[in-house]
């Protein structure tokens, strides 16, 4: 949970996340990225990146996408012509994207929460099953850029 007497309202948390995602995509990928209504339903596997928050904020930021969306994201982030979904650079790019979004979200927090630490990204292709149920409060958001859909979960 956020270590504060007054919990931050859900809409403020989501607005910070939307702002961080938009800034990262515009600055680093030179693409617009918009929030969507509803959840991501990915049936062909998932690449999942996780950043953990410790200290004044205890929680995590989880980014998940299909291998195809992850490959397109890696191409945009790395400036490569094409990436195969199984390329290790795809995992690295998704981890870095999660890191930049989590850092952008953290930078929008006020003192003392802004003093929390973030971990290095951990990436898996095992899906979200092992990650569910760890925290009580979760905020899920789905995003789309150029028809490519991915999801982010903030959990505290």
Protein backbone atom coordinates (compact mmCIF):
# COMPACT_ATOMS: atom_id res chain seq x y z
CA UNK A 1 0.00 0.00 0.00
CA UNK A 2 1.02 3.57 -0.33
CA UNK A 3 2.54 4.65 2.96
CA UNK A 4 0.45 7.74 3.59
CA UNK A 5 -2.42 8.86 5.78
CA UNK A 6 -4.58 9.82 2.81
CA UNK A 7 -4.65 7.21 0.05
CA UNK A 8 -4.38 8.56 -3.45
CA UNK A 9 -7.70 8.21 -5.30
CA UNK A 10 -7.84 5.65 -8.10
CA UNK A 11 -8.45 8.26 -10.79
CA UNK A 12 -5.30 10.16 -9.75
CA UNK A 13 -3.23 6.95 -9.92
CA UNK A 14 -4.63 6.12 -13.36
CA UNK A 15 -4.15 9.70 -14.61
CA UNK A 16 -0.49 9.55 -13.57
CA UNK A 17 -0.12 6.22 -15.36
CA UNK A 18 -1.82 7.53 -18.52
CA UNK A 19 0.48 10.56 -18.49
CA UNK A 20 3.62 8.44 -17.99
CA UNK A 21 2.65 6.04 -20.81
CA UNK A 22 1.89 8.92 -23.18
CA UNK A 23 5.18 10.69 -22.39
CA UNK A 24 7.29 7.55 -22.83
CA UNK A 25 5.67 6.63 -26.15
CA UNK A 26 5.92 10.15 -27.55
CA UNK A 27 9.49 10.74 -26.39
CA UNK A 28 11.10 7.31 -26.82
CA UNK A 29 9.05 5.59 -29.53
CA UNK A 30 7.85 8.69 -31.40
CA UNK A 31 4.30 7.30 -31.42
CA UNK A 32 1.07 8.22 -29.74
CA UNK A 33 -0.45 5.75 -27.33
CA UNK A 34 -3.98 6.01 -25.99
CA UNK A 35 -5.81 4.35 -23.10
CA UNK A 36 -8.66 2.01 -24.00
CA UNK A 37 -11.75 0.82 -22.19
CA UNK A 38 -11.67 -2.79 -21.03
CA UNK A 39 -8.98 -5.39 -20.39
CA UNK A 40 -6.45 -6.99 -22.71
CA UNK A 41 -7.41 -10.51 -23.75
CA UNK A 42 -4.28 -12.13 -25.16
CA UNK A 43 -4.63 -15.78 -26.08
CA UNK A 44 -1.33 -16.47 -27.88
CA UNK A 45 0.97 -16.09 -24.89
CA UNK A 46 2.22 -13.11 -23.00
CA UNK A 47 5.47 -11.38 -22.42
CA UNK A 48 5.35 -9.84 -18.95
CA UNK A 49 7.71 -7.25 -17.45
CA UNK A 50 7.65 -6.33 -13.78
CA UNK A 51 9.13 -3.43 -11.81
CA UNK A 52 8.83 -3.49 -8.03
CA UNK A 53 8.45 -0.42 -5.81
CA UNK A 54 9.93 -0.50 -2.28
CA UNK A 55 10.21 1.98 0.55
CA UNK A 56 7.55 4.68 0.83
CA UNK A 57 5.53 2.79 -1.82
CA UNK A 58 5.28 -0.99 -1.75
CA UNK A 59 3.96 -2.49 -4.96
CA UNK A 60 4.68 -3.22 -8.58
CA UNK A 61 4.12 -2.15 -12.15
CA UNK A 62 3.41 -5.01 -14.56
CA UNK A 63 3.36 -4.54 -18.33
CA UNK A 64 2.06 -7.38 -20.51
CA UNK A 65 1.68 -7.84 -24.24
CA UNK A 66 1.38 -10.49 -26.91
CA UNK A 67 4.66 -11.54 -28.53
CA UNK A 68 3.61 -9.76 -31.75
CA UNK A 69 2.90 -6.47 -29.94
CA UNK A 70 6.14 -6.84 -27.98
CA UNK A 71 8.09 -7.30 -31.25
CA UNK A 72 6.53 -4.16 -32.79
CA UNK A 73 7.31 -2.25 -29.59
CA UNK A 74 10.93 -3.43 -29.68
CA UNK A 75 11.27 -2.32 -33.30
CA UNK A 76 9.97 1.15 -32.41
CA UNK A 77 12.08 1.47 -29.26
CA UNK A 78 15.29 0.11 -30.75
CA UNK A 79 14.88 1.53 -34.25
CA UNK A 80 15.36 -1.87 -35.89
CA UNK A 81 13.83 -2.99 -39.17
CA UNK A 82 12.16 -6.10 -37.76
CA UNK A 83 12.24 -8.18 -34.64
CA UNK A 84 11.06 -11.73 -34.24
CA UNK A 85 8.81 -12.32 -31.21
CA UNK A 86 11.33 -14.86 -29.83
CA UNK A 87 14.31 -12.45 -30.14
CA UNK A 88 15.91 -11.78 -26.70
CA UNK A 89 16.03 -8.08 -27.62
CA UNK A 90 12.22 -8.12 -27.50
CA UNK A 91 12.34 -9.14 -23.84
CA UNK A 92 14.94 -6.45 -23.12
CA UNK A 93 12.85 -3.79 -24.88
CA UNK A 94 9.66 -4.73 -22.99
CA UNK A 95 11.59 -4.66 -19.71
CA UNK A 96 12.99 -1.23 -20.53
CA UNK A 97 9.56 0.06 -21.57
CA UNK A 98 8.13 -1.09 -18.22
CA UNK A 99 11.08 0.56 -16.45
CA UNK A 100 10.52 3.90 -18.19
CA UNK A 101 6.77 3.86 -17.53
CA UNK A 102 7.23 2.91 -13.86
CA UNK A 103 9.87 5.64 -13.49
CA UNK A 104 7.60 8.17 -15.18
CA UNK A 105 4.75 7.22 -12.85
CA UNK A 106 7.04 7.46 -9.81
CA UNK A 107 8.27 10.90 -10.90
CA UNK A 108 4.70 12.19 -10.64
CA UNK A 109 4.34 11.20 -6.98
CA UNK A 110 4.64 13.74 -4.21
CA UNK A 111 6.91 13.58 -1.17
CA UNK A 112 7.33 11.16 0.67
CA UNK A 113 6.08 8.57 -1.87
CA UNK A 114 8.42 9.97 -4.56
CA UNK A 115 11.31 8.66 -2.46
CA UNK A 116 10.42 5.05 -3.15
CA UNK A 117 12.90 2.86 -5.00
CA UNK A 118 12.26 0.87 -8.16
CA UNK A 119 13.84 -2.44 -9.08
CA UNK A 120 15.42 -3.48 -12.33
CA UNK A 121 12.89 -5.06 -14.70
CA UNK A 122 12.19 -8.79 -14.58
CA UNK A 123 10.77 -10.27 -17.79
CA UNK A 124 9.04 -13.60 -18.25
CA UNK A 125 7.05 -15.40 -20.91
CA UNK A 126 5.19 -17.42 -18.29
CA UNK A 127 2.20 -15.07 -18.15
CA UNK A 128 0.52 -13.34 -15.23
CA UNK A 129 -0.54 -16.39 -13.22
CA UNK A 130 2.44 -16.37 -10.85
CA UNK A 131 2.07 -12.63 -10.31
CA UNK A 132 -1.60 -12.50 -9.32
CA UNK A 133 -2.80 -12.23 -5.75
CA UNK A 134 0.32 -10.67 -4.24
CA UNK A 135 -1.20 -7.24 -3.54
CA UNK A 136 -4.70 -6.20 -2.49
CA UNK A 137 -5.23 -3.01 -4.51
CA UNK A 138 -4.83 -3.16 -8.28
CA UNK A 139 -5.36 -0.70 -11.09
CA UNK A 140 -5.48 -2.19 -14.60
CA UNK A 141 -5.30 -0.18 -17.79
CA UNK A 142 -5.22 -1.15 -21.46
CA UNK A 143 -3.42 0.92 -24.11
CA UNK A 144 -3.21 0.95 -27.90
CA UNK A 145 -0.63 2.34 -30.28
CA UNK A 146 -1.11 1.91 -34.02
CA UNK A 147 -3.53 -0.97 -33.37
CA UNK A 148 -1.12 -2.79 -31.03
CA UNK A 149 -2.63 -3.46 -27.61
CA UNK A 150 -0.92 -4.01 -24.27
CA UNK A 151 -1.87 -3.81 -20.60
CA UNK A 152 -0.41 -2.39 -17.42
CA UNK A 153 -1.29 -3.29 -13.84
CA UNK A 154 -0.28 -1.18 -10.85
CA UNK A 155 -0.61 -3.23 -7.66
CA UNK A 156 -0.12 -2.10 -4.05
